[in-house]
Amino acid sequence: MDNLIADIAVFDGNESENHEAVKLLQDQNTGKSRKLYIESYGCQMNYSDSEIVASILQKEGFDTTSDIHQADLVFLNTCSIRDKAEQTVRQRLTVINVLKKQKPEMMVGILGCMAERLKIKLLEEEKIVDLVAGPDAYRDLPRLVDQVEEGDKAVNTFLSREETYADITPVRLNSNGVTALISIMRGCDNMCSFCVVPFTRGRERSRDPHSILAEAKDLFDKGFREVTLLGQNVDSYKWSAEENNKLWMEKKGISEVVSFADLLEMVAGIHPDLRVRFSTSHPKDITDEVLFAMAKHENICKNIHLPIQSGNTRILEMMNRGYSREWYLQRINRMREILGPDSGLSTDIISGFCSETEEEHQDTLSLMDEVVFDFAYMFYYSERPGTLAAKKYADDIDLEVKKRRLDEIIVKQRMHSGLRNTQDVGKTFKVLIEGRSKKSENELFGRTSSNKVVIFPKEDKKKGDYVTVIVESCTGGTLIGKIVK
């Protein structure tokens, strides 16, 4: 997945943050006898998967809890995209080990990409771990939990070619009641040389469109006003109707093959007040049809996360990205031609990839100057075992050089984020209110179509409302304004 690579410095125009920050659950008190506690690390797909896990185990007698001390079952839904991500989990297990000594009956499991990559080694290395389940094995969790309760260790890391969890209604965890994630596909076929995701999440498979539409409509009916369509590479979404689905497709007036552009229009058509976002796109796959669909529908947000990784064509070839510097710049120009110059654009950048020269690093900086991204996820390269890069190339850039180059990238992005925000001062935007500002109970916050955070006095408005806001000032990462009637 493009938006989590190597050791990290994330800058979204506000401040650096740990993109693997733990996301905890809300408390459920529906009278069930046991408590489930989940921590999610890494990408949005892991957060979405945790909601699926909670749904599966809810039917097995588990409510969720935000207090690990109350838990009968503890899961860490893990990221394996870089070594630091795995070390974070191991450090967390050390803390949990203290709790388990006080409460020996508490079961502890590892889910997600780290589980898939290390498999049985986790049971052998981390004696505290009772259960290991990969991303495609969550339907098997009830059996695995039963196995642990019987006194055995349990593991299932089978990778499926069909599993999409399309029939499972996620339990919305830590939800603000306004925005929600919808997984539309799983896996990745791109085989970027630095990335472990194809080995931990398997091959691409797309979820059937009618289940996606049903989930989105249900969310809207429950008061949600924004959905984010998730996939390792959403532009690769493609679903072909089987015989028993053709009649449904004909009634909807769409072709037997549904592309990502088709799906965007279908979800946008549910209601004009349902905003649609998506992540992550791949430069070699995003089409004009997707851009035209975005331009056609006001409620499809004008924001694209389009990872570049490097601004040098030779490095991009070594990364097996499938495009050149020139190709990427052409796609950016086409995007801004169709969607307008105010459309939001974010990216991922890796510094210090194998054999990267100082001149090639300068190519990345010059590309940033040419594009001027709104914000970026920035990393220095960290070799991952089993990837093509680990097999083919030497990780030969000194750590201090990687860090110095990363610092230069961060400084430039900070300047660009500030510039892009300054350009919005004096403009008005439609904003979906997501909640109260962290700094003041008298202020609300929401996001523009281009995914920028705006803070403004609340007046008589509430979460879930749409308002028009004029931007009066800004910081490096936030727009500040007021509601206009």
Protein backbone atom coordinates (compact mmCIF):
# COMPACT_ATOMS: atom_id res chain seq x y z
CA MET A 1 0.00 0.00 0.00
CA ASP A 2 1.44 3.34 -1.05
CA ASN A 3 0.67 5.46 1.98
CA LEU A 4 2.87 3.61 4.50
CA ILE A 5 6.48 2.98 3.53
CA ALA A 6 9.77 2.86 5.47
CA ASP A 7 10.72 4.99 8.47
CA ILE A 8 8.41 7.88 8.63
CA ALA A 9 7.97 11.58 8.93
CA VAL A 10 4.44 12.62 8.10
CA PHE A 11 3.62 16.22 7.33
CA ASP A 12 0.09 17.24 6.58
CA GLY A 13 0.80 20.95 6.83
CA ASN A 14 0.33 20.96 10.60
CA GLU A 15 3.01 18.91 12.26
CA SER A 16 4.85 15.65 11.95
CA GLU A 17 2.89 12.76 13.38
CA ASN A 18 3.15 9.03 13.79
CA HIS A 19 1.00 7.62 11.01
CA GLU A 20 0.86 4.37 12.95
CA ALA A 21 -0.92 5.98 15.88
CA VAL A 22 -3.09 3.55 17.82
CA LYS A 23 -6.80 3.78 17.23
CA LEU A 24 -8.95 2.52 20.10
CA LEU A 25 -12.51 1.30 20.27
CA GLN A 26 -15.65 2.81 21.65
CA ASP A 27 -17.33 0.97 24.49
CA GLN A 28 -20.27 -1.26 23.62
CA ASN A 29 -22.60 -2.35 26.38
CA THR A 30 -25.18 -4.59 24.78
CA GLY A 31 -25.12 -7.12 27.57
CA LYS A 32 -22.66 -9.56 26.05
CA SER A 33 -20.60 -11.56 28.48
CA ARG A 34 -17.10 -10.93 27.11
CA LYS A 35 -15.06 -7.87 26.11
CA LEU A 36 -12.94 -7.34 22.99
CA TYR A 37 -10.18 -4.73 22.81
CA ILE A 38 -8.45 -3.86 19.50
CA GLU A 39 -5.55 -1.58 18.67
CA SER A 40 -5.03 -0.79 14.99
CA TYR A 41 -1.72 0.27 13.49
CA GLY A 42 -0.83 1.56 10.05
CA CYS A 43 -3.15 2.30 7.16
CA GLN A 44 -6.88 2.97 6.90
CA MET A 45 -7.39 -0.56 5.60
CA ASN A 46 -6.35 -1.91 9.00
CA TYR A 47 -8.88 0.36 10.73
CA SER A 48 -11.54 -0.92 8.34
CA ASP A 49 -10.51 -4.53 8.98
CA SER A 50 -10.78 -4.00 12.74
CA GLU A 51 -14.41 -2.99 12.23
CA ILE A 52 -14.97 -6.27 10.37
CA VAL A 53 -13.30 -8.24 13.18
CA ALA A 54 -15.52 -6.54 15.77
CA SER A 55 -18.60 -7.43 13.74
CA ILE A 56 -17.60 -11.10 13.47
CA LEU A 57 -16.87 -11.42 17.19
CA GLN A 58 -19.94 -9.46 18.23
CA LYS A 59 -21.95 -12.45 17.02
CA GLU A 60 -19.78 -14.67 19.23
CA GLY A 61 -20.67 -12.86 22.46
CA PHE A 62 -18.13 -10.01 22.54
CA ASP A 63 -18.81 -6.34 23.21
CA THR A 64 -15.96 -3.89 22.53
CA THR A 65 -14.16 -1.94 25.23
CA SER A 66 -11.77 1.00 25.23
CA ASP A 67 -10.20 -0.23 28.49
CA ILE A 68 -7.66 -2.99 27.95
CA HIS A 69 -7.87 -3.94 31.64
CA GLN A 70 -11.50 -5.00 31.09
CA ALA A 71 -10.69 -7.13 28.04
CA ASP A 72 -11.06 -10.88 27.76
CA LEU A 73 -9.59 -10.80 24.25
CA VAL A 74 -6.92 -8.36 23.04
CA PHE A 75 -6.01 -7.94 19.37
CA LEU A 76 -3.25 -5.88 17.82
CA ASN A 77 -4.06 -5.29 14.15
CA THR A 78 -0.58 -4.78 12.80
CA CYS A 79 1.38 -3.12 10.02
CA SER A 80 4.45 -4.72 8.46
CA ILE A 81 5.39 -2.04 5.97
CA ARG A 82 8.60 -1.17 7.81
CA ASP A 83 10.73 -2.47 10.62
CA LYS A 84 9.79 0.31 13.02
CA ALA A 85 6.12 -0.66 12.68
CA GLU A 86 6.90 -4.20 13.79
CA GLN A 87 9.13 -3.02 16.63
CA THR A 88 6.29 -0.79 17.87
CA VAL A 89 4.06 -3.86 18.12
CA ARG A 90 6.74 -5.89 19.92
CA GLN A 91 7.19 -3.08 22.44
CA ARG A 92 3.44 -2.97 22.96
CA LEU A 93 3.41 -6.73 23.56
CA THR A 94 5.95 -6.23 26.33
CA VAL A 95 3.50 -3.92 28.09
CA ILE A 96 0.60 -6.30 27.52
CA ASN A 97 2.69 -9.13 28.96
CA VAL A 98 2.60 -7.37 32.34
CA LEU A 99 -1.21 -7.24 32.16
CA LYS A 100 -1.45 -10.87 31.14
CA LYS A 101 0.56 -11.96 34.17
CA GLN A 102 -2.06 -10.24 36.31
CA LYS A 103 -4.90 -11.71 34.22
CA PRO A 104 -3.67 -15.06 32.79
CA GLU A 105 -7.03 -15.91 31.25
CA MET A 106 -6.82 -12.89 28.91
CA MET A 107 -6.24 -13.99 25.31
CA VAL A 108 -3.85 -12.01 23.09
CA GLY A 109 -3.78 -12.16 19.31
CA ILE A 110 -1.89 -10.60 16.41
CA LEU A 111 -3.86 -9.73 13.27
CA GLY A 112 -2.98 -8.15 9.94
CA CYS A 113 0.16 -7.83 7.87
CA MET A 114 2.70 -8.62 10.58
CA ALA A 115 0.77 -11.78 11.35
CA GLU A 116 0.81 -12.74 7.68
CA ARG A 117 4.53 -12.02 7.24
CA LEU A 118 5.84 -13.79 10.36
CA LYS A 119 3.13 -16.44 10.79
CA ILE A 120 4.09 -19.16 13.26
CA LYS A 121 7.27 -17.29 14.27
CA LEU A 122 5.12 -14.92 16.31
CA LEU A 123 3.88 -17.78 18.46
CA GLU A 124 7.45 -19.00 18.93
CA GLU A 125 9.10 -15.61 19.50
CA GLU A 126 6.40 -13.82 21.49
CA LYS A 127 5.32 -16.30 24.14
CA ILE A 128 2.51 -13.97 25.14
CA VAL A 129 0.74 -14.35 21.77
CA ASP A 130 -2.01 -16.97 21.77
CA LEU A 131 -3.44 -16.40 18.31
CA VAL A 132 -2.18 -15.27 14.88
CA ALA A 133 -4.56 -14.45 12.01
CA GLY A 134 -3.78 -12.92 8.64
CA PRO A 135 -5.98 -10.38 6.80
CA ASP A 136 -8.00 -13.05 4.96
CA ALA A 137 -8.61 -15.29 7.99
CA TYR A 138 -10.98 -13.18 10.08
CA ARG A 139 -14.02 -15.38 9.43
CA ASP A 140 -12.07 -18.13 11.20
CA LEU A 141 -11.56 -16.09 14.38
CA PRO A 142 -14.42 -17.77 16.33
CA ARG A 143 -12.79 -21.18 15.79
CA LEU A 144 -9.34 -19.82 16.61
CA VAL A 145 -10.60 -18.24 19.83
CA ASP A 146 -12.27 -21.52 20.82
CA GLN A 147 -8.98 -23.31 20.17
CA VAL A 148 -7.13 -20.92 22.47
CA GLU A 149 -9.77 -21.35 25.18
CA GLU A 150 -9.16 -25.08 24.98
CA GLY A 151 -5.52 -24.49 25.85
CA ASP A 152 -3.89 -24.54 22.42
CA LYS A 153 -2.17 -21.89 20.32
CA ALA A 154 -4.02 -20.97 17.11
CA VAL A 155 -2.90 -19.70 13.71
CA ASN A 156 -4.48 -19.09 10.29
CA THR A 157 -2.57 -17.06 7.70
CA PHE A 158 -4.17 -18.46 4.56
CA LEU A 159 -4.32 -15.88 1.75
CA SER A 160 -7.52 -16.02 -0.28
CA ARG A 161 -8.16 -15.19 -3.93
CA GLU A 162 -11.85 -14.47 -3.23
CA GLU A 163 -12.30 -13.03 0.27
CA THR A 164 -13.69 -9.48 0.38
CA TYR A 165 -15.92 -9.67 3.52
CA ALA A 166 -18.66 -8.15 1.35
CA ASP A 167 -21.49 -9.66 3.40
CA ILE A 168 -20.24 -8.44 6.79
CA THR A 169 -21.58 -5.16 8.17
CA PRO A 170 -18.70 -3.51 10.03
CA VAL A 171 -19.08 -2.32 13.61
CA ARG A 172 -18.14 1.36 13.31
CA LEU A 173 -15.32 1.85 15.80
CA ASN A 174 -14.32 5.23 17.18
CA SER A 175 -16.87 6.72 14.78
CA ASN A 176 -17.76 10.38 14.71
CA GLY A 177 -21.10 9.41 13.14
CA VAL A 178 -20.34 11.51 10.05
CA THR A 179 -17.53 9.80 8.14
CA ALA A 180 -16.97 6.10 7.48
CA LEU A 181 -14.64 3.75 5.60
CA ILE A 182 -15.84 1.26 2.97
CA SER A 183 -13.42 -1.36 1.68
CA ILE A 184 -14.05 -1.93 -2.05
CA MET A 185 -11.15 -4.26 -2.88
CA ARG A 186 -8.31 -6.13 -1.24
CA GLY A 187 -4.77 -7.06 -2.17
CA CYS A 188 -2.31 -5.64 -4.68
CA ASP A 189 -0.81 -6.89 -7.94
CA ASN A 190 1.68 -4.06 -8.52
CA MET A 191 4.76 -5.67 -6.93
CA CYS A 192 6.61 -2.43 -6.20
CA SER A 193 10.11 -3.55 -5.27
CA PHE A 194 10.14 -1.84 -1.84
CA CYS A 195 6.70 -3.02 -0.71
CA VAL A 196 5.70 -6.05 1.34
CA VAL A 197 1.92 -5.61 0.84
CA PRO A 198 1.49 -8.09 -2.06
CA PHE A 199 3.02 -10.75 0.20
CA THR A 200 0.93 -9.88 3.26
CA ARG A 201 -2.43 -9.06 1.65
CA GLY A 202 -2.36 -11.23 -1.46
CA ARG A 203 -3.66 -10.69 -4.98
CA GLU A 204 -6.19 -8.06 -6.04
CA ARG A 205 -9.87 -8.91 -5.89
CA SER A 206 -12.77 -6.48 -6.12
CA ARG A 207 -15.91 -6.49 -4.04
CA ASP A 208 -19.27 -6.69 -5.82
CA PRO A 209 -20.75 -3.22 -6.42
CA HIS A 210 -24.23 -3.88 -5.08
CA SER A 211 -22.86 -4.75 -1.62
CA ILE A 212 -20.81 -1.53 -1.68
CA LEU A 213 -23.86 0.50 -2.66
CA ALA A 214 -25.96 -1.18 0.02
CA GLU A 215 -23.37 -0.38 2.69
CA ALA A 216 -23.06 3.24 1.55
CA LYS A 217 -26.83 3.72 1.46
CA ASP A 218 -27.19 2.18 4.91
CA LEU A 219 -24.57 4.56 6.26
CA PHE A 220 -26.35 7.54 4.72
CA ASP A 221 -29.67 6.42 6.19
CA LYS A 222 -27.99 6.23 9.61
CA GLY A 223 -26.80 9.84 9.36
CA PHE A 224 -23.32 9.45 7.92
CA ARG A 225 -22.52 12.08 5.30
CA GLU A 226 -19.16 10.97 3.93
CA VAL A 227 -17.67 7.64 2.85
CA THR A 228 -14.10 6.85 1.85
CA LEU A 229 -13.73 4.00 -0.64
CA LEU A 230 -10.63 2.01 0.31
CA GLY A 231 -8.28 -0.23 -1.62
CA GLN A 232 -4.56 -0.86 -1.95
CA ASN A 233 -5.03 0.51 -5.48
CA VAL A 234 -8.61 1.68 -6.03
CA ASP A 235 -7.95 2.46 -9.70
CA SER A 236 -7.59 -1.27 -10.33
CA TYR A 237 -11.15 -1.91 -9.14
CA LYS A 238 -13.01 -3.98 -11.72
CA TRP A 239 -15.96 -6.26 -11.17
CA SER A 240 -17.58 -8.52 -13.74
CA ALA A 241 -21.16 -9.60 -13.30
CA GLU A 242 -21.76 -13.30 -12.87
CA GLU A 243 -24.88 -14.92 -14.27
CA ASN A 244 -26.97 -14.43 -11.14
CA ASN A 245 -26.11 -10.72 -11.01
CA LYS A 246 -26.86 -9.73 -14.61
CA LEU A 247 -30.52 -8.91 -13.94
CA TRP A 248 -29.54 -6.59 -11.09
CA MET A 249 -27.00 -4.88 -13.34
CA GLU A 250 -29.54 -4.46 -16.13
CA LYS A 251 -32.05 -2.86 -13.73
CA LYS A 252 -29.40 -0.38 -12.66
CA GLY A 253 -28.64 0.42 -16.29
CA ILE A 254 -24.92 -0.29 -16.08
CA SER A 255 -22.58 -2.56 -18.02
CA GLU A 256 -21.58 -6.03 -16.96
CA VAL A 257 -18.06 -4.80 -16.17
CA VAL A 258 -17.92 -2.13 -13.49
CA SER A 259 -14.81 0.07 -13.43
CA PHE A 260 -13.71 2.33 -10.62
CA ALA A 261 -15.11 5.33 -12.51
CA ASP A 262 -18.46 3.49 -12.77
CA LEU A 263 -18.42 2.70 -9.06
CA LEU A 264 -17.68 6.31 -8.11
CA GLU A 265 -20.70 7.51 -10.06
CA MET A 266 -22.91 4.80 -8.58
CA VAL A 267 -22.00 5.71 -4.99
CA ALA A 268 -22.29 9.45 -5.72
CA GLY A 269 -25.77 8.81 -7.08
CA ILE A 270 -27.07 7.55 -3.72
CA HIS A 271 -27.73 11.11 -2.54
CA PRO A 272 -26.26 14.56 -3.29
CA ASP A 273 -25.52 15.02 0.42
CA LEU A 274 -23.32 11.93 0.60
CA ARG A 275 -19.72 12.93 0.02
CA VAL A 276 -17.42 10.38 -1.60
CA ARG A 277 -13.66 10.14 -1.12
CA PHE A 278 -11.22 7.39 -2.10
CA SER A 279 -7.72 6.13 -1.35
CA THR A 280 -5.20 5.09 -2.61
CA SER A 281 -4.65 5.82 -6.30
CA HIS A 282 -1.72 4.69 -8.46
CA PRO A 283 -0.26 7.09 -11.05
CA LYS A 284 -0.05 4.45 -13.77
CA ASP A 285 -3.69 3.41 -13.36
CA ILE A 286 -5.75 6.52 -12.66
CA THR A 287 -7.77 7.28 -15.79
CA ASP A 288 -9.38 10.31 -17.37
CA GLU A 289 -12.71 8.54 -16.84
CA VAL A 290 -12.15 8.73 -13.06
CA LEU A 291 -11.25 12.41 -13.31
CA PHE A 292 -14.31 13.18 -15.44
CA ALA A 293 -16.54 11.31 -12.95
CA MET A 294 -15.09 13.46 -10.16
CA ALA A 295 -15.69 16.63 -12.15
CA LYS A 296 -19.26 15.60 -13.02
CA HIS A 297 -20.46 15.05 -9.45
CA GLU A 298 -20.21 17.85 -6.89
CA ASN A 299 -20.30 15.33 -4.05
CA ILE A 300 -17.23 13.41 -5.23
CA CYS A 301 -14.48 15.23 -3.37
CA LYS A 302 -11.85 16.93 -5.49
CA ASN A 303 -8.86 15.39 -3.77
CA ILE A 304 -6.48 12.65 -4.88
CA HIS A 305 -3.71 10.89 -3.00
CA LEU A 306 -1.23 10.08 -5.78
CA PRO A 307 2.08 8.67 -4.46
CA ILE A 308 5.17 9.64 -6.46
CA GLN A 309 7.78 7.94 -4.19
CA SER A 310 10.70 9.49 -6.14
CA GLY A 311 11.15 12.27 -8.65
CA ASN A 312 13.82 10.40 -10.60
CA THR A 313 12.94 8.01 -13.43
CA ARG A 314 15.83 5.60 -12.80
CA ILE A 315 14.80 5.19 -9.16
CA LEU A 316 11.16 4.77 -10.20
CA GLU A 317 12.22 1.97 -12.54
CA MET A 318 14.15 0.27 -9.73
CA MET A 319 11.05 0.63 -7.56
CA ASN A 320 9.01 -1.05 -10.33
CA ARG A 321 6.47 1.76 -10.22
CA GLY A 322 5.46 1.50 -13.86
CA TYR A 323 5.75 5.19 -14.75
CA SER A 324 8.39 7.86 -15.31
CA ARG A 325 8.82 11.34 -13.88
CA GLU A 326 7.42 12.77 -17.09
CA TRP A 327 4.38 10.47 -17.02
CA TYR A 328 3.59 11.49 -13.45
CA LEU A 329 3.79 15.20 -14.28
CA GLN A 330 1.49 14.65 -17.25
CA ARG A 331 -1.11 13.03 -14.98
CA ILE A 332 -0.88 15.94 -12.54
CA ASN A 333 -1.40 18.43 -15.36
CA ARG A 334 -4.38 16.42 -16.62
CA MET A 335 -5.88 16.24 -13.13
CA ARG A 336 -5.66 19.99 -12.62
CA GLU A 337 -6.96 20.61 -16.13
CA ILE A 338 -10.10 18.54 -15.47
CA LEU A 339 -10.65 19.22 -11.74
CA GLY A 340 -9.25 22.73 -11.50
CA PRO A 341 -6.19 24.20 -9.76
CA ASP A 342 -7.85 24.19 -6.32
CA SER A 343 -8.25 20.39 -6.26
CA GLY A 344 -6.34 18.73 -3.44
CA LEU A 345 -3.27 16.63 -4.08
CA SER A 346 -1.22 14.63 -1.60
CA THR A 347 1.59 12.14 -2.12
CA ASP A 348 4.11 9.71 -0.62
CA ILE A 349 7.87 10.24 -0.92
CA ILE A 350 10.75 7.91 -0.01
CA SER A 351 14.24 9.27 0.54
CA GLY A 352 17.42 7.22 0.27
CA PHE A 353 16.21 4.29 -1.84
CA CYS A 354 18.91 1.86 -2.95
CA SER A 355 21.75 3.57 -4.88
CA GLU A 356 19.99 6.96 -4.95
CA THR A 357 22.54 9.67 -5.79
CA GLU A 358 22.52 13.24 -4.57
CA GLU A 359 21.45 14.39 -8.04
CA GLU A 360 18.53 11.96 -8.02
CA HIS A 361 17.49 13.26 -4.61
CA GLN A 362 17.53 16.75 -6.10
CA ASP A 363 15.17 15.46 -8.81
CA THR A 364 12.64 14.65 -6.09
CA LEU A 365 12.97 18.15 -4.63
CA SER A 366 12.57 19.75 -8.06
CA LEU A 367 9.46 17.66 -8.78
CA MET A 368 7.98 18.87 -5.50
CA ASP A 369 8.63 22.45 -6.63
CA GLU A 370 6.94 21.77 -9.95
CA VAL A 371 3.84 20.09 -8.48
CA VAL A 372 3.46 21.85 -5.07
CA PHE A 373 1.59 19.19 -3.08
CA ASP A 374 -0.94 20.14 -0.42
CA PHE A 375 0.59 17.61 1.97
CA ALA A 376 2.66 14.46 1.96
CA TYR A 377 3.62 11.31 3.81
CA MET A 378 7.42 11.28 3.84
CA PHE A 379 9.74 8.43 4.76
CA TYR A 380 13.29 7.24 4.52
CA TYR A 381 13.77 3.85 2.95
CA SER A 382 13.75 0.80 5.20
CA GLU A 383 14.49 -2.57 3.63
CA ARG A 384 11.78 -5.18 4.18
CA PRO A 385 12.65 -8.89 4.11
CA GLY A 386 11.19 -10.80 1.18
CA THR A 387 10.63 -7.80 -1.09
CA LEU A 388 12.10 -7.58 -4.57
CA ALA A 389 14.37 -4.72 -3.50
CA ALA A 390 15.78 -6.79 -0.63
CA LYS A 391 16.57 -9.59 -3.08
CA LYS A 392 17.96 -7.48 -5.93
CA TYR A 393 19.51 -4.33 -4.47
CA ALA A 394 21.90 -3.33 -1.72
CA ASP A 395 20.51 -0.98 0.91
CA ASP A 396 23.62 1.14 0.45
CA ILE A 397 22.65 4.67 1.52
CA ASP A 398 23.92 5.62 4.97
CA LEU A 399 21.21 6.22 7.53
CA GLU A 400 22.42 9.74 8.24
CA VAL A 401 22.24 10.56 4.53
CA LYS A 402 18.70 9.17 4.36
CA LYS A 403 17.68 11.29 7.34
CA ARG A 404 19.31 14.44 5.96
CA ARG A 405 17.56 14.01 2.62
CA LEU A 406 14.28 13.36 4.40
CA ASP A 407 14.71 16.54 6.43
CA GLU A 408 15.16 18.51 3.20
CA ILE A 409 11.98 16.98 1.79
CA ILE A 410 10.06 17.83 4.98
CA VAL A 411 11.23 21.45 4.97
CA LYS A 412 10.17 21.88 1.36
CA GLN A 413 6.77 20.27 1.95
CA ARG A 414 6.17 22.48 4.96
CA MET A 415 6.74 25.51 2.76
CA HIS A 416 4.47 24.16 0.00
CA SER A 417 1.65 23.28 2.42
CA GLY A 418 1.76 26.78 3.81
CA LEU A 419 1.72 28.26 0.32
CA ARG A 420 -1.27 26.16 -0.77
CA ASN A 421 -3.20 27.16 2.35
CA THR A 422 -2.37 30.84 1.90
CA GLN A 423 -3.87 30.65 -1.59
CA ASP A 424 -7.21 29.69 -0.02
CA VAL A 425 -7.48 32.82 2.14
CA GLY A 426 -10.41 34.94 0.96
CA LYS A 427 -12.14 32.01 -0.78
CA THR A 428 -15.38 30.30 0.28
CA PHE A 429 -15.78 26.54 0.58
CA LYS A 430 -18.53 24.04 1.31
CA VAL A 431 -17.54 22.29 4.52
CA LEU A 432 -18.92 19.14 6.14
CA ILE A 433 -18.85 19.57 9.93
CA GLU A 434 -17.14 16.59 11.60
CA GLY A 435 -17.11 17.76 15.19
CA ARG A 436 -15.92 20.21 17.79
CA SER A 437 -12.48 21.79 17.57
CA LYS A 438 -9.94 20.31 19.98
CA LYS A 439 -8.93 23.78 21.14
CA SER A 440 -12.33 25.33 21.86
CA GLU A 441 -15.84 24.10 22.57
CA ASN A 442 -17.10 27.22 20.81
CA GLU A 443 -15.54 26.20 17.49
CA LEU A 444 -16.31 23.44 15.02
CA PHE A 445 -14.13 21.82 12.40
CA GLY A 446 -14.73 20.16 9.07
CA ARG A 447 -13.03 19.54 5.76
CA THR A 448 -13.29 21.06 2.34
CA SER A 449 -13.75 18.99 -0.79
CA SER A 450 -9.96 19.20 -1.25
CA ASN A 451 -9.49 17.59 2.20
CA LYS A 452 -8.29 20.66 4.08
CA VAL A 453 -9.30 21.14 7.70
CA VAL A 454 -11.24 24.33 8.46
CA ILE A 455 -11.99 25.73 11.95
CA PHE A 456 -14.79 28.24 12.52
CA PRO A 457 -17.19 29.53 15.24
CA LYS A 458 -20.01 27.04 15.74
CA GLU A 459 -22.95 29.48 15.83
CA ASP A 460 -26.08 27.29 15.72
CA LYS A 461 -24.57 24.51 13.57
CA LYS A 462 -23.88 20.92 14.52
CA LYS A 463 -21.94 17.87 13.47
CA GLY A 464 -23.11 16.49 10.13
CA ASP A 465 -24.30 19.85 8.76
CA TYR A 466 -22.98 21.36 5.56
CA VAL A 467 -21.97 25.02 5.83
CA THR A 468 -20.34 27.60 3.59
CA VAL A 469 -17.20 29.02 5.16
CA ILE A 470 -15.08 31.97 4.08
CA VAL A 471 -11.39 31.51 4.91
CA GLU A 472 -9.98 34.52 6.75
CA SER A 473 -6.53 33.20 7.74
CA CYS A 474 -4.53 30.01 7.96
CA THR A 475 -1.71 28.15 9.64
CA GLY A 476 0.59 25.66 7.97
CA GLY A 477 -2.02 22.92 8.27
CA THR A 478 -5.37 24.53 9.03
CA LEU A 479 -7.73 27.03 7.45
CA ILE A 480 -9.50 29.44 9.80
CA GLY A 481 -12.74 31.15 8.84
CA LYS A 482 -16.37 31.89 9.58
CA ILE A 483 -19.74 30.70 8.33
CA VAL A 484 -21.38 32.86 5.68
CA LYS A 485 -25.11 32.74 5.20
